[in-house]
C-alpha atoms as a PDB file:
ATOM      1  CA  MET A   1     -23.644-123.872  75.948  1.00  0.00           C
ATOM      2  CA  TYR A   2     -26.174-126.315  74.444  1.00  0.00           C
ATOM      3  CA  PHE A   3     -23.660-129.159  74.206  1.00  0.00           C
ATOM      4  CA  PHE A   4     -22.806-128.979  77.942  1.00  0.00           C
ATOM      5  CA  LYS A   5     -26.331-128.738  79.195  1.00  0.00           C
ATOM      6  CA  ASP A   6     -25.879-131.866  81.332  1.00  0.00           C
ATOM      7  CA  ASN A   7     -24.109-129.648  83.808  1.00  0.00           C
ATOM      8  CA  GLU A   8     -26.598-128.304  86.366  1.00  0.00           C
ATOM      9  CA  ILE A   9     -25.500-124.622  86.142  1.00  0.00           C
ATOM     10  CA  ILE A  10     -25.434-124.628  82.355  1.00  0.00           C
ATOM     11  CA  ASP A  11     -28.742-126.453  82.262  1.00  0.00           C
ATOM     12  CA  LYS A  12     -30.393-123.639  84.220  1.00  0.00           C
ATOM     13  CA  CYS A  13     -28.775-120.975  82.008  1.00  0.00           C
ATOM     14  CA  TYR A  14     -29.875-122.866  78.896  1.00  0.00           C
ATOM     15  CA  TYR A  15     -33.512-122.998  79.883  1.00  0.00           C
ATOM     16  CA  LYS A  16     -33.524-119.371  81.063  1.00  0.00           C
ATOM     17  CA  CYS A  17     -32.080-118.222  77.713  1.00  0.00           C
ATOM     18  CA  PHE A  18     -34.445-120.151  75.578  1.00  0.00           C
ATOM     19  CA  ASP A  19     -37.810-118.892  76.748  1.00  0.00           C
ATOM     20  CA  LYS A  20     -40.487-117.457  74.521  1.00  0.00           C
ATOM     21  CA  THR A  21     -39.590-113.844  75.154  1.00  0.00           C
ATOM     22  CA  PHE A  22     -35.958-114.347  74.187  1.00  0.00           C
ATOM     23  CA  ILE A  23     -36.783-116.363  71.059  1.00  0.00           C
ATOM     24  CA  SER A  24     -39.418-113.746  70.028  1.00  0.00           C
ATOM     25  CA  ALA A  25     -36.790-111.065  70.361  1.00  0.00           C
ATOM     26  CA  LEU A  26     -34.470-113.108  68.187  1.00  0.00           C
ATOM     27  CA  VAL A  27     -37.153-113.383  65.495  1.00  0.00           C
ATOM     28  CA  THR A  28     -37.577-109.620  65.590  1.00  0.00           C
ATOM     29  CA  ALA A  29     -33.787-108.969  65.411  1.00  0.00           C
ATOM     30  CA  GLU A  30     -33.339-111.478  62.556  1.00  0.00           C
ATOM     31  CA  SER A  31     -36.186-109.916  60.614  1.00  0.00           C
ATOM     32  CA  ILE A  32     -34.603-106.527  60.981  1.00  0.00           C
ATOM     33  CA  VAL A  33     -31.262-107.888  59.725  1.00  0.00           C
ATOM     34  CA  PHE A  34     -33.057-109.522  56.781  1.00  0.00           C
ATOM     35  CA  GLY A  35     -34.768-106.258  55.843  1.00  0.00           C
ATOM     36  CA  PHE A  36     -31.607-104.232  56.321  1.00  0.00           C
ATOM     37  CA  LEU A  37     -29.642-106.554  53.976  1.00  0.00           C
ATOM     38  CA  LEU A  38     -32.312-106.103  51.276  1.00  0.00           C
ATOM     39  CA  THR A  39     -32.231-102.343  51.776  1.00  0.00           C
ATOM     40  CA  THR A  40     -28.476-102.143  51.565  1.00  0.00           C
ATOM     41  CA  MET A  41     -28.512-104.051  48.273  1.00  0.00           C
ATOM     42  CA  VAL A  42     -31.074-101.603  46.744  1.00  0.00           C
ATOM     43  CA  THR A  43     -28.934 -98.720  47.999  1.00  0.00           C
ATOM     44  CA  LEU A  44     -25.809-100.273  46.512  1.00  0.00           C
ATOM     45  CA  MET A  45     -27.492-100.759  43.145  1.00  0.00           C
ATOM     46  CA  GLN A  46     -28.403 -97.035  43.070  1.00  0.00           C
ATOM     47  CA  LEU A  47     -24.916 -95.735  43.930  1.00  0.00           C
ATOM     48  CA  ASN A  48     -23.072 -94.209  41.039  1.00  0.00           C
ATOM     49  CA  ASN A  49     -19.706 -93.568  42.600  1.00  0.00           C
ATOM     50  CA  SER A  50     -16.346 -94.572  41.117  1.00  0.00           C
ATOM     51  CA  ALA A  51     -16.036 -97.734  43.264  1.00  0.00           C
ATOM     52  CA  ILE A  52     -19.277 -99.136  41.893  1.00  0.00           C
ATOM     53  CA  LYS A  53     -18.328 -98.222  38.351  1.00  0.00           C
ATOM     54  CA  ASN A  54     -14.986 -99.988  38.834  1.00  0.00           C
ATOM     55  CA  LEU A  55     -16.797-103.101  40.015  1.00  0.00           C
ATOM     56  CA  ILE A  56     -19.070-103.052  37.004  1.00  0.00           C
ATOM     57  CA  ASP A  57     -16.169-102.479  34.646  1.00  0.00           C
ATOM     58  CA  THR A  58     -14.191-105.375  36.078  1.00  0.00           C
ATOM     59  CA  ASN A  59     -17.209-107.671  36.196  1.00  0.00           C
ATOM     60  CA  ARG A  60     -16.971-107.997  40.001  1.00  0.00           C
ATOM     61  CA  PHE A  61     -20.439-106.528  40.668  1.00  0.00           C
ATOM     62  CA  PRO A  62     -22.178-109.890  40.254  1.00  0.00           C
ATOM     63  CA  GLU A  63     -19.855-111.273  42.921  1.00  0.00           C
ATOM     64  CA  LEU A  64     -20.975-108.505  45.328  1.00  0.00           C
ATOM     65  CA  ILE A  65     -24.590-109.317  44.504  1.00  0.00           C
ATOM     66  CA  GLN A  66     -23.848-112.994  45.256  1.00  0.00           C
ATOM     67  CA  TYR A  67     -22.418-112.045  48.652  1.00  0.00           C
ATOM     68  CA  ASN A  68     -25.636-110.212  49.461  1.00  0.00           C
ATOM     69  CA  LYS A  69     -27.818-112.991  48.066  1.00  0.00           C
ATOM     70  CA  THR A  70     -26.090-115.546  50.225  1.00  0.00           C
ATOM     71  CA  ALA A  71     -26.436-113.381  53.340  1.00  0.00           C
ATOM     72  CA  VAL A  72     -30.169-112.753  52.573  1.00  0.00           C
ATOM     73  CA  ILE A  73     -30.890-116.439  52.032  1.00  0.00           C
ATOM     74  CA  TYR A  74     -29.219-117.450  55.295  1.00  0.00           C
ATOM     75  CA  SER A  75     -30.935-114.611  57.102  1.00  0.00           C
ATOM     76  CA  PHE A  76     -34.353-115.723  55.829  1.00  0.00           C
ATOM     77  CA  LEU A  77     -33.538-119.324  56.710  1.00  0.00           C
ATOM     78  CA  SER A  78     -32.590-118.151  60.186  1.00  0.00           C
ATOM     79  CA  VAL A  79     -35.911-116.353  60.637  1.00  0.00           C
ATOM     80  CA  ILE A  80     -37.801-119.489  59.523  1.00  0.00           C
ATOM     81  CA  LEU A  81     -35.821-121.788  61.819  1.00  0.00           C
ATOM     82  CA  THR A  82     -36.171-119.456  64.815  1.00  0.00           C
ATOM     83  CA  CYS A  83     -39.938-119.327  64.193  1.00  0.00           C
ATOM     84  CA  VAL A  84     -40.059-123.135  64.105  1.00  0.00           C
ATOM     85  CA  PHE A  85     -37.909-123.205  67.260  1.00  0.00           C
ATOM     86  CA  LEU A  86     -40.339-120.835  68.947  1.00  0.00           C
ATOM     87  CA  LEU A  87     -43.354-122.924  67.966  1.00  0.00           C
ATOM     88  CA  THR A  88     -41.705-126.178  69.173  1.00  0.00           C
ATOM     89  CA  LEU A  89     -40.243-124.967  72.458  1.00  0.00           C
ATOM     90  CA  GLU A  90     -42.682-126.986  74.543  1.00  0.00           C
ATOM     91  CA  ILE A  91     -43.040-129.920  72.145  1.00  0.00           C
ATOM     92  CA  GLN A  92     -40.633-132.810  72.052  1.00  0.00           C
ATOM     93  CA  ILE A  93     -39.743-133.123  68.426  1.00  0.00           C
ATOM     94  CA  PRO A  94     -37.606-135.964  67.052  1.00  0.00           C
ATOM     95  CA  TYR A  95     -33.977-135.184  66.412  1.00  0.00           C
ATOM     96  CA  TYR A  96     -34.170-132.064  68.555  1.00  0.00           C
ATOM     97  CA  ASN A  97     -30.412-131.988  69.068  1.00  0.00           C
ATOM     98  CA  ILE A  98     -29.802-131.986  65.298  1.00  0.00           C
ATOM     99  CA  PHE A  99     -32.354-129.190  64.834  1.00  0.00           C
ATOM    100  CA  VAL A 100     -30.662-127.053  67.477  1.00  0.00           C
ATOM    101  CA  ALA A 101     -27.239-127.673  65.937  1.00  0.00           C
ATOM    102  CA  ILE A 102     -28.499-126.594  62.502  1.00  0.00           C
ATOM    103  CA  TRP A 103     -30.189-123.568  64.040  1.00  0.00           C
ATOM    104  CA  ILE A 104     -26.967-122.499  65.764  1.00  0.00           C
ATOM    105  CA  PHE A 105     -24.975-123.071  62.579  1.00  0.00           C
ATOM    106  CA  VAL A 106     -27.363-120.942  60.498  1.00  0.00           C
ATOM    107  CA  MET A 107     -27.326-118.172  63.136  1.00  0.00           C
ATOM    108  CA  ASN A 108     -23.561-118.084  63.034  1.00  0.00           C
ATOM    109  CA  MET A 109     -23.519-118.078  59.243  1.00  0.00           C
ATOM    110  CA  VAL A 110     -25.875-115.051  59.263  1.00  0.00           C
ATOM    111  CA  ILE A 111     -23.508-113.182  61.550  1.00  0.00           C
ATOM    112  CA  PHE A 112     -20.403-113.902  59.416  1.00  0.00           C
ATOM    113  CA  LEU A 113     -22.081-113.416  56.015  1.00  0.00           C
ATOM    114  CA  SER A 114     -23.767-110.203  57.055  1.00  0.00           C
ATOM    115  CA  TYR A 115     -20.516-108.856  58.437  1.00  0.00           C
ATOM    116  CA  ARG A 116     -18.704-109.718  55.189  1.00  0.00           C
ATOM    117  CA  PHE A 117     -21.263-107.979  53.007  1.00  0.00           C
ATOM    118  CA  LEU A 118     -21.721-104.949  55.254  1.00  0.00           C
ATOM    119  CA  ASN A 119     -17.963-104.450  55.574  1.00  0.00           C
ATOM    120  CA  ILE A 120     -17.754-104.241  51.739  1.00  0.00           C
ATOM    121  CA  PHE A 121     -20.886-102.090  51.533  1.00  0.00           C
ATOM    122  CA  TYR A 122     -19.563 -99.489  54.000  1.00  0.00           C
ATOM    123  CA  SER A 123     -16.237 -99.342  52.173  1.00  0.00           C
ATOM    124  CA  PHE A 124     -18.195 -98.232  49.075  1.00  0.00           C
ATOM    125  CA  LEU A 125     -20.001 -95.590  51.017  1.00  0.00           C
ATOM    126  CA  LYS A 126     -16.681 -94.099  52.172  1.00  0.00           C
ATOM    127  CA  ARG A 127     -15.478 -93.563  48.591  1.00  0.00           C
END
C-alpha cells in the first residue's frame, strides 16, 4: 500500500492507517509477541518430554534455540523501529521511504520467524 500512495484513494487509506493510535497499538502488539517468544523459550527449556530429549541427543536443540533467538532479535528490532516510526510520524526525516521499507521488511520477518518457531514449539507440546 505504501508504494502506491500516489493514488488518491490509497493515499487516504495510508494516512488513516498510520496515525498515532494505530502505531501505538502496533507497539503494544509487538511487545506482547516479544515477551511471548521469550516465555515460550523458557517453557521449552523446562520441558522434559521425549521430543526435547531427542533434540538434545541429536544435537538439534541449539538449532531450535537459534530459531527462537532470531525471532526474538527481529521482534525487538521491530518494537524499536515502530517506536521510532511513532516518534517521527509528524517529522520529515531524510530517507523516509527507505526507513518505511526496512520497517515493513522487519515486520514481515517477525511474522514469518515467529510462525516458524511457534509451529515447532507447539509440535513439542503435543508430544
